[in-house]
Amino acid sequence: MPAMRADAFLADPSDKLLSLHAILVAGDEPYLIDKVLAAVLARVVTVPGAESFDVDKRDAAELDPAGYESLVASMPLLNDRRVVVLRGVDAAPAEVRDRIKQTLDEKPGGLCLIGTGGATMRGTLYQEWEKKAARIVCELPRRSPRSKQVDFDFARWLTGRAKADFGKALDRGAADALAELGAELGVLHHELEKAALHAGRAERITLADVEAVCAGAATATVWEWCDAVGARQTDRALGLLKTLLDCGETAYRLVPLLATHFCRLGVVVSLPRRDARSITEALPGRSWPAMVAGLAQQAQRHTPASVARAMDLLAEADAMLKSTGHDEAFVMHKHLIEILDAA
């Protein structure tokens, strides 16, 4: 089956492609790989709850031939097919690559083998996969087949994602400013998430939202600072705080924003399971994948008691700012160091 581009697949998933025994999701754009993989899994897992029984995800580099054979030979329990996801097939040992080629030749009916990988690999596995099954190409369009220069309207893509993912219009100036921050979709989407969160309930994301929270090459952001505090990265947290204050940020805004961050962190710390789905369902309001992943990592550094102590200290900082003449930097340092020590 001819290779299919990621954008075409995401716009209209091909039933013919999804019915095949093997699908390769490969390219140099990790964001597209993740989106396509999620879309494929959503369609090939047809029975609710079958993920726990009939889906295996493994790193191809860590498999040996026997391990691979045990994965693909297992029969499905609930789903109509066994689903095996091999991450990084371009790094698979030679013997495992040979076994994959055998699977491509045999076309087992009760299996859906999904591989992910980079744009190219040594050997013929990618070519065999495309010839005997299907490949979804996760790369941005280029000016010509041999060109390395991307021909892609990042600002237009960001505008579409703002509406589709966050329900907000993205002002042209904000889109242009975001598009200047990089050429990787994952990085740009993460910055868009931060701007959308800063916009709050507003229907539009403005240039002011982008300038307030999105990082340039060397500019600290409020959200990076909150993450550093939550992760108990003392030097980074204090360094970012200095940069923020030097750039004109005010403690009167930083304290409530950090309190909101610790409210979310407290929810995650109290969960019996900290997988992405559990965290997303437990958090109040809207949550983004990058936020969920960050909170899951930071929760390992905290207990309910440390989160409660942080909230008490932030309340004290708020009261000190409003009732005394102390310098904002002094108030922030005094309470921030205690929060980091209590984690």
C-alpha atoms as a PDB file:
ATOM      1  CA  MET A   1       0.000   0.000   0.000  1.00  0.00           C
ATOM      2  CA  PRO A   2       1.446   3.468  -0.877  1.00  0.00           C
ATOM      3  CA  ALA A   3       2.748   5.525   2.010  1.00  0.00           C
ATOM      4  CA  MET A   4       0.207   7.943   3.509  1.00  0.00           C
ATOM      5  CA  ARG A   5       1.015  11.333   4.993  1.00  0.00           C
ATOM      6  CA  ALA A   6       0.155  11.940   8.630  1.00  0.00           C
ATOM      7  CA  ASP A   7      -2.048  14.967   7.946  1.00  0.00           C
ATOM      8  CA  ALA A   8      -4.089  13.024   5.388  1.00  0.00           C
ATOM      9  CA  PHE A   9      -4.518  10.101   7.781  1.00  0.00           C
ATOM     10  CA  LEU A  10      -5.537  12.298  10.722  1.00  0.00           C
ATOM     11  CA  ALA A  11      -8.076  14.132   8.535  1.00  0.00           C
ATOM     12  CA  ASP A  12      -9.593  10.901   7.203  1.00  0.00           C
ATOM     13  CA  PRO A  13      -8.327   7.636   8.776  1.00  0.00           C
ATOM     14  CA  SER A  14      -8.268   4.940   6.111  1.00  0.00           C
ATOM     15  CA  ASP A  15     -10.286   1.850   7.023  1.00  0.00           C
ATOM     16  CA  LYS A  16      -8.277  -0.175   4.518  1.00  0.00           C
ATOM     17  CA  LEU A  17      -5.006   0.867   6.156  1.00  0.00           C
ATOM     18  CA  LEU A  18      -6.311   0.230   9.669  1.00  0.00           C
ATOM     19  CA  SER A  19      -7.414  -3.290   8.740  1.00  0.00           C
ATOM     20  CA  LEU A  20      -3.876  -4.325   7.752  1.00  0.00           C
ATOM     21  CA  HIS A  21      -1.735  -6.642   9.883  1.00  0.00           C
ATOM     22  CA  ALA A  22       1.114  -4.124  10.236  1.00  0.00           C
ATOM     23  CA  ILE A  23       1.351  -0.317  10.299  1.00  0.00           C
ATOM     24  CA  LEU A  24       4.573   1.705  10.442  1.00  0.00           C
ATOM     25  CA  VAL A  25       4.321   5.224  11.926  1.00  0.00           C
ATOM     26  CA  ALA A  26       7.661   6.858  11.166  1.00  0.00           C
ATOM     27  CA  GLY A  27       9.236  10.233  10.498  1.00  0.00           C
ATOM     28  CA  ASP A  28      11.214  13.081  11.994  1.00  0.00           C
ATOM     29  CA  GLU A  29       8.302  14.884  13.696  1.00  0.00           C
ATOM     30  CA  PRO A  30       7.637  13.327  17.156  1.00  0.00           C
ATOM     31  CA  TYR A  31       4.418  15.305  17.676  1.00  0.00           C
ATOM     32  CA  LEU A  32       2.875  13.778  14.551  1.00  0.00           C
ATOM     33  CA  ILE A  33       4.071  10.299  15.521  1.00  0.00           C
ATOM     34  CA  ASP A  34       2.328  10.603  18.881  1.00  0.00           C
ATOM     35  CA  LYS A  35      -0.888  11.959  17.334  1.00  0.00           C
ATOM     36  CA  VAL A  36      -1.017   9.296  14.622  1.00  0.00           C
ATOM     37  CA  LEU A  37      -0.209   6.480  17.053  1.00  0.00           C
ATOM     38  CA  ALA A  38      -3.013   7.599  19.365  1.00  0.00           C
ATOM     39  CA  ALA A  39      -5.425   7.786  16.415  1.00  0.00           C
ATOM     40  CA  VAL A  40      -4.441   4.317  15.173  1.00  0.00           C
ATOM     41  CA  LEU A  41      -4.843   2.752  18.620  1.00  0.00           C
ATOM     42  CA  ALA A  42      -8.231   4.393  19.055  1.00  0.00           C
ATOM     43  CA  ARG A  43      -9.434   2.637  15.899  1.00  0.00           C
ATOM     44  CA  VAL A  44      -7.764  -0.783  16.114  1.00  0.00           C
ATOM     45  CA  VAL A  45      -8.764  -1.343  19.758  1.00  0.00           C
ATOM     46  CA  THR A  46     -12.445  -1.979  19.177  1.00  0.00           C
ATOM     47  CA  VAL A  47     -13.529  -3.369  22.557  1.00  0.00           C
ATOM     48  CA  PRO A  48     -13.692  -1.074  25.616  1.00  0.00           C
ATOM     49  CA  GLY A  49     -11.207  -2.198  28.257  1.00  0.00           C
ATOM     50  CA  ALA A  50      -9.206  -4.348  25.829  1.00  0.00           C
ATOM     51  CA  GLU A  51      -6.136  -2.111  26.269  1.00  0.00           C
ATOM     52  CA  SER A  52      -5.279  -3.889  29.507  1.00  0.00           C
ATOM     53  CA  PHE A  53      -5.337  -7.327  27.917  1.00  0.00           C
ATOM     54  CA  ASP A  54      -4.644  -7.102  24.200  1.00  0.00           C
ATOM     55  CA  VAL A  55      -2.232  -4.187  23.776  1.00  0.00           C
ATOM     56  CA  ASP A  56       1.515  -4.502  24.413  1.00  0.00           C
ATOM     57  CA  LYS A  57       3.925  -1.577  24.057  1.00  0.00           C
ATOM     58  CA  ARG A  58       7.655  -2.302  24.007  1.00  0.00           C
ATOM     59  CA  ASP A  59      10.905  -0.612  23.046  1.00  0.00           C
ATOM     60  CA  ALA A  60      12.221  -2.521  20.031  1.00  0.00           C
ATOM     61  CA  ALA A  61      15.843  -1.959  21.069  1.00  0.00           C
ATOM     62  CA  GLU A  62      15.272  -3.949  24.269  1.00  0.00           C
ATOM     63  CA  LEU A  63      13.682  -6.992  22.617  1.00  0.00           C
ATOM     64  CA  ASP A  64      15.369 -10.257  21.732  1.00  0.00           C
ATOM     65  CA  PRO A  65      13.943 -12.676  19.143  1.00  0.00           C
ATOM     66  CA  ALA A  66      12.262 -14.866  21.762  1.00  0.00           C
ATOM     67  CA  GLY A  67      10.623 -11.858  23.392  1.00  0.00           C
ATOM     68  CA  TYR A  68       9.348 -10.636  20.050  1.00  0.00           C
ATOM     69  CA  GLU A  69       7.933 -14.048  19.151  1.00  0.00           C
ATOM     70  CA  SER A  70       6.061 -14.280  22.446  1.00  0.00           C
ATOM     71  CA  LEU A  71       4.442 -10.906  21.788  1.00  0.00           C
ATOM     72  CA  VAL A  72       3.208 -11.574  18.261  1.00  0.00           C
ATOM     73  CA  ALA A  73       2.215 -15.196  18.926  1.00  0.00           C
ATOM     74  CA  SER A  74      -0.177 -14.358  21.774  1.00  0.00           C
ATOM     75  CA  MET A  75      -3.885 -14.601  20.967  1.00  0.00           C
ATOM     76  CA  PRO A  76      -6.253 -11.709  21.710  1.00  0.00           C
ATOM     77  CA  LEU A  77      -8.548 -12.089  24.726  1.00  0.00           C
ATOM     78  CA  LEU A  78     -11.182  -9.406  24.125  1.00  0.00           C
ATOM     79  CA  ASN A  79     -10.218  -7.446  21.034  1.00  0.00           C
ATOM     80  CA  ASP A  80     -10.566  -8.887  17.542  1.00  0.00           C
ATOM     81  CA  ARG A  81      -6.775  -8.577  17.097  1.00  0.00           C
ATOM     82  CA  ARG A  82      -3.693  -8.629  19.269  1.00  0.00           C
ATOM     83  CA  VAL A  83      -2.068  -5.150  19.129  1.00  0.00           C
ATOM     84  CA  VAL A  84       1.714  -4.928  19.530  1.00  0.00           C
ATOM     85  CA  VAL A  85       3.388  -1.509  19.502  1.00  0.00           C
ATOM     86  CA  LEU A  86       7.151  -1.526  18.920  1.00  0.00           C
ATOM     87  CA  ARG A  87       8.686   1.860  19.679  1.00  0.00           C
ATOM     88  CA  GLY A  88      11.847   2.701  17.766  1.00  0.00           C
ATOM     89  CA  VAL A  89      11.950  -0.154  15.272  1.00  0.00           C
ATOM     90  CA  ASP A  90      14.900   1.591  13.607  1.00  0.00           C
ATOM     91  CA  ALA A  91      16.921   0.647  16.714  1.00  0.00           C
ATOM     92  CA  ALA A  92      15.819  -3.004  16.839  1.00  0.00           C
ATOM     93  CA  PRO A  93      18.568  -5.680  16.869  1.00  0.00           C
ATOM     94  CA  ALA A  94      19.226  -7.313  13.504  1.00  0.00           C
ATOM     95  CA  GLU A  95      17.647 -10.640  14.538  1.00  0.00           C
ATOM     96  CA  VAL A  96      14.486  -8.873  15.681  1.00  0.00           C
ATOM     97  CA  ARG A  97      14.314  -6.992  12.373  1.00  0.00           C
ATOM     98  CA  ASP A  98      14.482 -10.351  10.597  1.00  0.00           C
ATOM     99  CA  ARG A  99      11.576 -11.641  12.709  1.00  0.00           C
ATOM    100  CA  ILE A 100       9.560  -8.527  11.868  1.00  0.00           C
ATOM    101  CA  LYS A 101      10.144  -9.171   8.159  1.00  0.00           C
ATOM    102  CA  GLN A 102       8.841 -12.728   8.636  1.00  0.00           C
ATOM    103  CA  THR A 103       5.704 -11.323  10.251  1.00  0.00           C
ATOM    104  CA  LEU A 104       5.236  -8.949   7.320  1.00  0.00           C
ATOM    105  CA  ASP A 105       5.482 -11.936   4.944  1.00  0.00           C
ATOM    106  CA  GLU A 106       3.163 -14.217   6.929  1.00  0.00           C
ATOM    107  CA  LYS A 107       0.394 -11.600   7.466  1.00  0.00           C
ATOM    108  CA  PRO A 108      -1.157 -13.175  10.575  1.00  0.00           C
ATOM    109  CA  GLY A 109      -4.868 -12.435  10.773  1.00  0.00           C
ATOM    110  CA  GLY A 110      -5.148 -12.001  14.519  1.00  0.00           C
ATOM    111  CA  LEU A 111      -2.411  -9.395  14.849  1.00  0.00           C
ATOM    112  CA  CYS A 112      -1.934  -5.664  14.344  1.00  0.00           C
ATOM    113  CA  LEU A 113       1.780  -4.861  14.572  1.00  0.00           C
ATOM    114  CA  ILE A 114       2.436  -1.118  14.934  1.00  0.00           C
ATOM    115  CA  GLY A 115       5.973   0.202  14.672  1.00  0.00           C
ATOM    116  CA  THR A 116       7.286   3.707  15.296  1.00  0.00           C
ATOM    117  CA  GLY A 117      10.620   5.128  14.250  1.00  0.00           C
ATOM    118  CA  GLY A 118      12.617   7.931  12.706  1.00  0.00           C
ATOM    119  CA  ALA A 119      12.591   9.122   9.129  1.00  0.00           C
ATOM    120  CA  THR A 120      15.099   6.538   7.873  1.00  0.00           C
ATOM    121  CA  MET A 121      16.919   3.423   8.982  1.00  0.00           C
ATOM    122  CA  ARG A 122      19.700   1.186   7.778  1.00  0.00           C
ATOM    123  CA  GLY A 123      18.560  -1.909   5.944  1.00  0.00           C
ATOM    124  CA  THR A 124      15.340  -2.650   4.100  1.00  0.00           C
ATOM    125  CA  LEU A 125      12.795  -2.972   6.903  1.00  0.00           C
ATOM    126  CA  TYR A 126      11.017   0.296   6.106  1.00  0.00           C
ATOM    127  CA  GLN A 127      10.763  -0.607   2.421  1.00  0.00           C
ATOM    128  CA  GLU A 128       9.474  -4.079   3.241  1.00  0.00           C
ATOM    129  CA  TRP A 129       6.942  -2.634   5.670  1.00  0.00           C
ATOM    130  CA  GLU A 130       5.632  -0.176   3.088  1.00  0.00           C
ATOM    131  CA  LYS A 131       5.474  -2.818   0.346  1.00  0.00           C
ATOM    132  CA  LYS A 132       3.760  -5.563   2.367  1.00  0.00           C
ATOM    133  CA  ALA A 133       1.697  -3.513   4.821  1.00  0.00           C
ATOM    134  CA  ALA A 134       1.394   0.265   5.359  1.00  0.00           C
ATOM    135  CA  ARG A 135       3.480   3.273   6.343  1.00  0.00           C
ATOM    136  CA  ILE A 136       2.255   6.628   7.672  1.00  0.00           C
ATOM    137  CA  VAL A 137       4.852   9.347   7.091  1.00  0.00           C
ATOM    138  CA  CYS A 138       5.147  11.750  10.035  1.00  0.00           C
ATOM    139  CA  GLU A 139       7.148  14.566   8.492  1.00  0.00           C
ATOM    140  CA  LEU A 140       6.447  18.176   7.562  1.00  0.00           C
ATOM    141  CA  PRO A 141       6.242  18.964   3.845  1.00  0.00           C
ATOM    142  CA  ARG A 142       9.422  20.205   2.195  1.00  0.00           C
ATOM    143  CA  ARG A 143      10.043  22.445  -0.789  1.00  0.00           C
ATOM    144  CA  SER A 144      11.242  19.466  -2.830  1.00  0.00           C
ATOM    145  CA  PRO A 145      11.926  15.748  -2.254  1.00  0.00           C
ATOM    146  CA  ARG A 146      15.644  16.429  -1.765  1.00  0.00           C
ATOM    147  CA  SER A 147      15.288  19.667   0.186  1.00  0.00           C
ATOM    148  CA  LYS A 148      15.772  19.912   3.936  1.00  0.00           C
ATOM    149  CA  GLN A 149      13.877  23.202   4.059  1.00  0.00           C
ATOM    150  CA  VAL A 150      10.374  22.824   5.517  1.00  0.00           C
ATOM    151  CA  ASP A 151       7.517  24.351   3.544  1.00  0.00           C
ATOM    152  CA  PHE A 152       4.884  24.676   6.265  1.00  0.00           C
ATOM    153  CA  ASP A 153       2.677  27.496   7.581  1.00  0.00           C
ATOM    154  CA  PHE A 154       3.273  27.165  11.334  1.00  0.00           C
ATOM    155  CA  ALA A 155       1.117  30.194  12.183  1.00  0.00           C
ATOM    156  CA  ARG A 156      -1.869  28.747  10.328  1.00  0.00           C
ATOM    157  CA  TRP A 157      -1.359  25.361  12.007  1.00  0.00           C
ATOM    158  CA  LEU A 158      -1.235  27.005  15.447  1.00  0.00           C
ATOM    159  CA  THR A 159      -4.460  28.876  14.699  1.00  0.00           C
ATOM    160  CA  GLY A 160      -6.180  25.605  13.846  1.00  0.00           C
ATOM    161  CA  ARG A 161      -4.877  23.828  16.920  1.00  0.00           C
ATOM    162  CA  ALA A 162      -5.947  26.718  19.173  1.00  0.00           C
ATOM    163  CA  LYS A 163      -9.538  26.298  18.006  1.00  0.00           C
ATOM    164  CA  ALA A 164      -9.540  22.489  17.892  1.00  0.00           C
ATOM    165  CA  ASP A 165      -7.667  21.766  21.141  1.00  0.00           C
ATOM    166  CA  PHE A 166      -8.539  24.746  23.353  1.00  0.00           C
ATOM    167  CA  GLY A 167     -11.693  26.239  21.853  1.00  0.00           C
ATOM    168  CA  LYS A 168     -10.053  29.636  21.387  1.00  0.00           C
ATOM    169  CA  ALA A 169      -9.340  31.998  18.523  1.00  0.00           C
ATOM    170  CA  LEU A 170      -5.665  32.866  18.079  1.00  0.00           C
ATOM    171  CA  ASP A 171      -4.921  36.448  17.081  1.00  0.00           C
ATOM    172  CA  ARG A 172      -2.688  36.830  14.037  1.00  0.00           C
ATOM    173  CA  GLY A 173       0.013  38.629  16.010  1.00  0.00           C
ATOM    174  CA  ALA A 174      -0.016  35.891  18.636  1.00  0.00           C
ATOM    175  CA  ALA A 175       0.195  33.188  15.947  1.00  0.00           C
ATOM    176  CA  ASP A 176       3.150  34.900  14.288  1.00  0.00           C
ATOM    177  CA  ALA A 177       4.944  35.315  17.615  1.00  0.00           C
ATOM    178  CA  LEU A 178       4.438  31.665  18.521  1.00  0.00           C
ATOM    179  CA  ALA A 179       5.601  30.527  15.092  1.00  0.00           C
ATOM    180  CA  GLU A 180       8.917  32.281  15.710  1.00  0.00           C
ATOM    181  CA  LEU A 181       9.655  30.114  18.755  1.00  0.00           C
ATOM    182  CA  GLY A 182      10.740  26.998  16.871  1.00  0.00           C
ATOM    183  CA  ALA A 183      10.195  24.581  14.037  1.00  0.00           C
ATOM    184  CA  GLU A 184       9.036  21.501  15.984  1.00  0.00           C
ATOM    185  CA  LEU A 185       5.301  20.993  16.352  1.00  0.00           C
ATOM    186  CA  GLY A 186       5.593  19.535  19.851  1.00  0.00           C
ATOM    187  CA  VAL A 187       7.485  22.568  21.139  1.00  0.00           C
ATOM    188  CA  LEU A 188       5.076  24.997  19.496  1.00  0.00           C
ATOM    189  CA  HIS A 189       2.024  23.146  20.791  1.00  0.00           C
ATOM    190  CA  HIS A 190       3.451  23.245  24.315  1.00  0.00           C
ATOM    191  CA  GLU A 191       3.901  27.027  24.059  1.00  0.00           C
ATOM    192  CA  LEU A 192       0.363  27.344  22.686  1.00  0.00           C
ATOM    193  CA  GLU A 193      -0.914  25.388  25.698  1.00  0.00           C
ATOM    194  CA  LYS A 194       0.703  27.854  28.062  1.00  0.00           C
ATOM    195  CA  ALA A 195      -0.744  30.835  26.218  1.00  0.00           C
ATOM    196  CA  ALA A 196      -4.209  29.236  26.235  1.00  0.00           C
ATOM    197  CA  LEU A 197      -3.987  28.596  29.955  1.00  0.00           C
ATOM    198  CA  HIS A 198      -2.908  32.189  30.561  1.00  0.00           C
ATOM    199  CA  ALA A 199      -5.874  33.437  28.521  1.00  0.00           C
ATOM    200  CA  GLY A 200      -8.160  31.660  30.983  1.00  0.00           C
ATOM    201  CA  ARG A 201     -11.840  32.020  30.078  1.00  0.00           C
ATOM    202  CA  ALA A 202     -11.209  34.550  27.351  1.00  0.00           C
ATOM    203  CA  GLU A 203     -12.312  33.493  23.897  1.00  0.00           C
ATOM    204  CA  ARG A 204      -9.117  34.745  22.238  1.00  0.00           C
ATOM    205  CA  ILE A 205      -5.412  34.195  22.771  1.00  0.00           C
ATOM    206  CA  THR A 206      -3.675  37.528  22.294  1.00  0.00           C
ATOM    207  CA  LEU A 207      -0.113  38.629  21.732  1.00  0.00           C
ATOM    208  CA  ALA A 208      -0.079  39.785  25.361  1.00  0.00           C
ATOM    209  CA  ASP A 209      -0.821  36.189  26.490  1.00  0.00           C
ATOM    210  CA  VAL A 210       2.067  34.878  24.405  1.00  0.00           C
ATOM    211  CA  GLU A 211       4.462  37.539  25.641  1.00  0.00           C
ATOM    212  CA  ALA A 212       3.454  36.892  29.254  1.00  0.00           C
ATOM    213  CA  VAL A 213       4.192  33.174  29.430  1.00  0.00           C
ATOM    214  CA  CYS A 214       5.952  31.838  26.340  1.00  0.00           C
ATOM    215  CA  ALA A 215       9.707  31.345  26.405  1.00  0.00           C
ATOM    216  CA  GLY A 216      12.153  32.861  23.961  1.00  0.00           C
ATOM    217  CA  ALA A 217      15.728  31.680  23.689  1.00  0.00           C
ATOM    218  CA  ALA A 218      16.756  32.841  27.160  1.00  0.00           C
ATOM    219  CA  THR A 219      13.620  34.265  28.797  1.00  0.00           C
ATOM    220  CA  ALA A 220      12.166  32.528  31.823  1.00  0.00           C
ATOM    221  CA  THR A 221       8.421  31.955  32.024  1.00  0.00           C
ATOM    222  CA  VAL A 222       6.063  31.757  34.936  1.00  0.00           C
ATOM    223  CA  TRP A 223       5.103  28.184  34.076  1.00  0.00           C
ATOM    224  CA  GLU A 224       8.696  26.994  33.897  1.00  0.00           C
ATOM    225  CA  TRP A 225       9.199  28.537  37.329  1.00  0.00           C
ATOM    226  CA  CYS A 226       6.114  26.781  38.764  1.00  0.00           C
ATOM    227  CA  ASP A 227       7.354  23.470  37.353  1.00  0.00           C
ATOM    228  CA  ALA A 228      10.829  24.050  38.811  1.00  0.00           C
ATOM    229  CA  VAL A 229       9.356  24.730  42.267  1.00  0.00           C
ATOM    230  CA  GLY A 230       7.105  21.674  42.019  1.00  0.00           C
ATOM    231  CA  ALA A 231      10.058  19.520  40.948  1.00  0.00           C
ATOM    232  CA  ARG A 232      12.138  20.861  43.864  1.00  0.00           C
ATOM    233  CA  GLN A 233      14.850  22.176  41.538  1.00  0.00           C
ATOM    234  CA  THR A 234      16.142  24.725  44.017  1.00  0.00           C
ATOM    235  CA  ASP A 235      18.843  26.444  41.959  1.00  0.00           C
ATOM    236  CA  ARG A 236      16.635  26.619  38.875  1.00  0.00           C
ATOM    237  CA  ALA A 237      13.612  27.852  40.834  1.00  0.00           C
ATOM    238  CA  LEU A 238      15.576  30.643  42.509  1.00  0.00           C
ATOM    239  CA  GLY A 239      17.311  31.590  39.269  1.00  0.00           C
ATOM    240  CA  LEU A 240      14.034  31.775  37.350  1.00  0.00           C
ATOM    241  CA  LEU A 241      12.462  33.795  40.149  1.00  0.00           C
ATOM    242  CA  LYS A 242      15.255  36.388  39.872  1.00  0.00           C
ATOM    243  CA  THR A 243      14.808  36.556  36.090  1.00  0.00           C
ATOM    244  CA  LEU A 244      11.046  36.967  36.409  1.00  0.00           C
ATOM    245  CA  LEU A 245      11.331  39.734  38.978  1.00  0.00           C
ATOM    246  CA  ASP A 246      14.049  41.465  36.958  1.00  0.00           C
ATOM    247  CA  CYS A 247      11.764  41.361  33.896  1.00  0.00           C
ATOM    248  CA  GLY A 248       8.990  43.135  35.798  1.00  0.00           C
ATOM    249  CA  GLU A 249       6.929  40.240  37.136  1.00  0.00           C
ATOM    250  CA  THR A 250       5.264  40.962  40.457  1.00  0.00           C
ATOM    251  CA  ALA A 251       5.020  38.761  43.526  1.00  0.00           C
ATOM    252  CA  TYR A 252       1.343  39.689  43.733  1.00  0.00           C
ATOM    253  CA  ARG A 253       0.799  37.623  40.561  1.00  0.00           C
ATOM    254  CA  LEU A 254       3.389  34.914  41.161  1.00  0.00           C
ATOM    255  CA  VAL A 255       2.033  33.831  44.555  1.00  0.00           C
ATOM    256  CA  PRO A 256      -1.531  32.995  43.377  1.00  0.00           C
ATOM    257  CA  LEU A 257      -0.221  31.313  40.229  1.00  0.00           C
ATOM    258  CA  LEU A 258       2.069  29.082  42.292  1.00  0.00           C
ATOM    259  CA  ALA A 259      -0.816  28.375  44.674  1.00  0.00           C
ATOM    260  CA  THR A 260      -2.922  27.218  41.718  1.00  0.00           C
ATOM    261  CA  HIS A 261      -0.067  24.975  40.624  1.00  0.00           C
ATOM    262  CA  PHE A 262       0.157  23.394  44.085  1.00  0.00           C
ATOM    263  CA  CYS A 263      -3.614  22.893  44.186  1.00  0.00           C
ATOM    264  CA  ARG A 264      -3.286  20.774  41.055  1.00  0.00           C
ATOM    265  CA  LEU A 265      -0.222  19.040  42.474  1.00  0.00           C
ATOM    266  CA  GLY A 266      -2.174  18.205  45.645  1.00  0.00           C
ATOM    267  CA  VAL A 267      -4.856  16.498  43.568  1.00  0.00           C
ATOM    268  CA  VAL A 268      -2.240  14.360  41.805  1.00  0.00           C
ATOM    269  CA  VAL A 269      -0.354  13.471  44.996  1.00  0.00           C
ATOM    270  CA  SER A 270      -3.552  12.081  46.528  1.00  0.00           C
ATOM    271  CA  LEU A 271      -4.347   9.788  43.582  1.00  0.00           C
ATOM    272  CA  PRO A 272      -3.843   6.015  44.012  1.00  0.00           C
ATOM    273  CA  ARG A 273      -2.747   5.865  40.343  1.00  0.00           C
ATOM    274  CA  ARG A 274      -0.851   8.590  38.518  1.00  0.00           C
ATOM    275  CA  ASP A 275      -1.248   7.608  34.890  1.00  0.00           C
ATOM    276  CA  ALA A 276      -2.253  10.288  32.397  1.00  0.00           C
ATOM    277  CA  ARG A 277      -5.900   9.260  32.231  1.00  0.00           C
ATOM    278  CA  SER A 278      -6.363   9.204  36.020  1.00  0.00           C
ATOM    279  CA  ILE A 279      -4.719  12.617  36.397  1.00  0.00           C
ATOM    280  CA  THR A 280      -6.741  14.173  33.576  1.00  0.00           C
ATOM    281  CA  GLU A 281     -10.014  12.893  35.022  1.00  0.00           C
ATOM    282  CA  ALA A 282      -9.158  14.095  38.539  1.00  0.00           C
ATOM    283  CA  LEU A 283      -7.969  17.625  37.727  1.00  0.00           C
ATOM    284  CA  PRO A 284     -10.650  20.319  37.843  1.00  0.00           C
ATOM    285  CA  GLY A 285     -11.133  22.402  34.728  1.00  0.00           C
ATOM    286  CA  ARG A 286      -9.102  22.004  31.559  1.00  0.00           C
ATOM    287  CA  SER A 287      -5.766  20.196  31.546  1.00  0.00           C
ATOM    288  CA  TRP A 288      -3.153  19.739  28.825  1.00  0.00           C
ATOM    289  CA  PRO A 289      -0.868  16.730  28.163  1.00  0.00           C
ATOM    290  CA  ALA A 290       2.291  18.671  29.037  1.00  0.00           C
ATOM    291  CA  MET A 291       0.759  19.820  32.316  1.00  0.00           C
ATOM    292  CA  VAL A 292      -0.314  16.275  33.202  1.00  0.00           C
ATOM    293  CA  ALA A 293       3.137  14.837  32.470  1.00  0.00           C
ATOM    294  CA  GLY A 294       4.855  17.524  34.531  1.00  0.00           C
ATOM    295  CA  LEU A 295       2.554  17.068  37.525  1.00  0.00           C
ATOM    296  CA  ALA A 296       3.039  13.284  37.440  1.00  0.00           C
ATOM    297  CA  GLN A 297       6.820  13.719  37.713  1.00  0.00           C
ATOM    298  CA  GLN A 298       6.613  16.422  40.368  1.00  0.00           C
ATOM    299  CA  ALA A 299       4.229  14.361  42.522  1.00  0.00           C
ATOM    300  CA  GLN A 300       7.073  11.925  43.169  1.00  0.00           C
ATOM    301  CA  ARG A 301       8.781  14.692  45.156  1.00  0.00           C
ATOM    302  CA  HIS A 302       5.822  15.439  47.418  1.00  0.00           C
ATOM    303  CA  THR A 303       3.429  14.091  50.030  1.00  0.00           C
ATOM    304  CA  PRO A 304       0.022  15.469  51.028  1.00  0.00           C
ATOM    305  CA  ALA A 305       1.763  17.064  54.031  1.00  0.00           C
ATOM    306  CA  SER A 306       4.371  18.860  51.907  1.00  0.00           C
ATOM    307  CA  VAL A 307       1.680  20.208  49.561  1.00  0.00           C
ATOM    308  CA  ALA A 308      -0.396  21.402  52.538  1.00  0.00           C
ATOM    309  CA  ARG A 309       2.691  23.093  53.991  1.00  0.00           C
ATOM    310  CA  ALA A 310       3.365  24.810  50.657  1.00  0.00           C
ATOM    311  CA  MET A 311      -0.197  26.153  50.565  1.00  0.00           C
ATOM    312  CA  ASP A 312       0.160  27.475  54.124  1.00  0.00           C
ATOM    313  CA  LEU A 313       3.426  29.193  53.235  1.00  0.00           C
ATOM    314  CA  LEU A 314       1.898  30.783  50.143  1.00  0.00           C
ATOM    315  CA  ALA A 315      -0.984  32.086  52.249  1.00  0.00           C
ATOM    316  CA  GLU A 316       1.575  33.586  54.638  1.00  0.00           C
ATOM    317  CA  ALA A 317       3.442  35.160  51.710  1.00  0.00           C
ATOM    318  CA  ASP A 318       0.200  36.655  50.397  1.00  0.00           C
ATOM    319  CA  ALA A 319      -0.620  38.115  53.813  1.00  0.00           C
ATOM    320  CA  MET A 320       2.904  39.542  54.221  1.00  0.00           C
ATOM    321  CA  LEU A 321       2.793  41.185  50.809  1.00  0.00           C
ATOM    322  CA  LYS A 322      -0.531  42.852  51.584  1.00  0.00           C
ATOM    323  CA  SER A 323       0.092  43.869  55.201  1.00  0.00           C
ATOM    324  CA  THR A 324       3.768  44.837  55.459  1.00  0.00           C
ATOM    325  CA  GLY A 325       6.257  46.968  53.626  1.00  0.00           C
ATOM    326  CA  HIS A 326       8.721  44.165  52.963  1.00  0.00           C
ATOM    327  CA  ASP A 327      10.423  43.959  49.571  1.00  0.00           C
ATOM    328  CA  GLU A 328       8.715  41.538  47.147  1.00  0.00           C
ATOM    329  CA  ALA A 329      11.958  39.649  46.476  1.00  0.00           C
ATOM    330  CA  PHE A 330      12.523  39.171  50.201  1.00  0.00           C
ATOM    331  CA  VAL A 331       8.999  37.817  50.732  1.00  0.00           C
ATOM    332  CA  MET A 332       9.313  35.443  47.774  1.00  0.00           C
ATOM    333  CA  HIS A 333      12.726  34.093  48.800  1.00  0.00           C
ATOM    334  CA  LYS A 334      11.734  33.650  52.444  1.00  0.00           C
ATOM    335  CA  HIS A 335       8.733  31.481  51.660  1.00  0.00           C
ATOM    336  CA  LEU A 336      10.024  29.806  48.494  1.00  0.00           C
ATOM    337  CA  ILE A 337      13.055  28.337  50.263  1.00  0.00           C
ATOM    338  CA  GLU A 338      10.794  26.843  52.932  1.00  0.00           C
ATOM    339  CA  ILE A 339       8.511  25.372  50.261  1.00  0.00           C
ATOM    340  CA  LEU A 340      11.485  23.753  48.502  1.00  0.00           C
ATOM    341  CA  ASP A 341      12.846  22.401  51.799  1.00  0.00           C
ATOM    342  CA  ALA A 342       9.468  20.914  52.776  1.00  0.00           C
ATOM    343  CA  ALA A 343       9.137  18.891  49.560  1.00  0.00           C
END
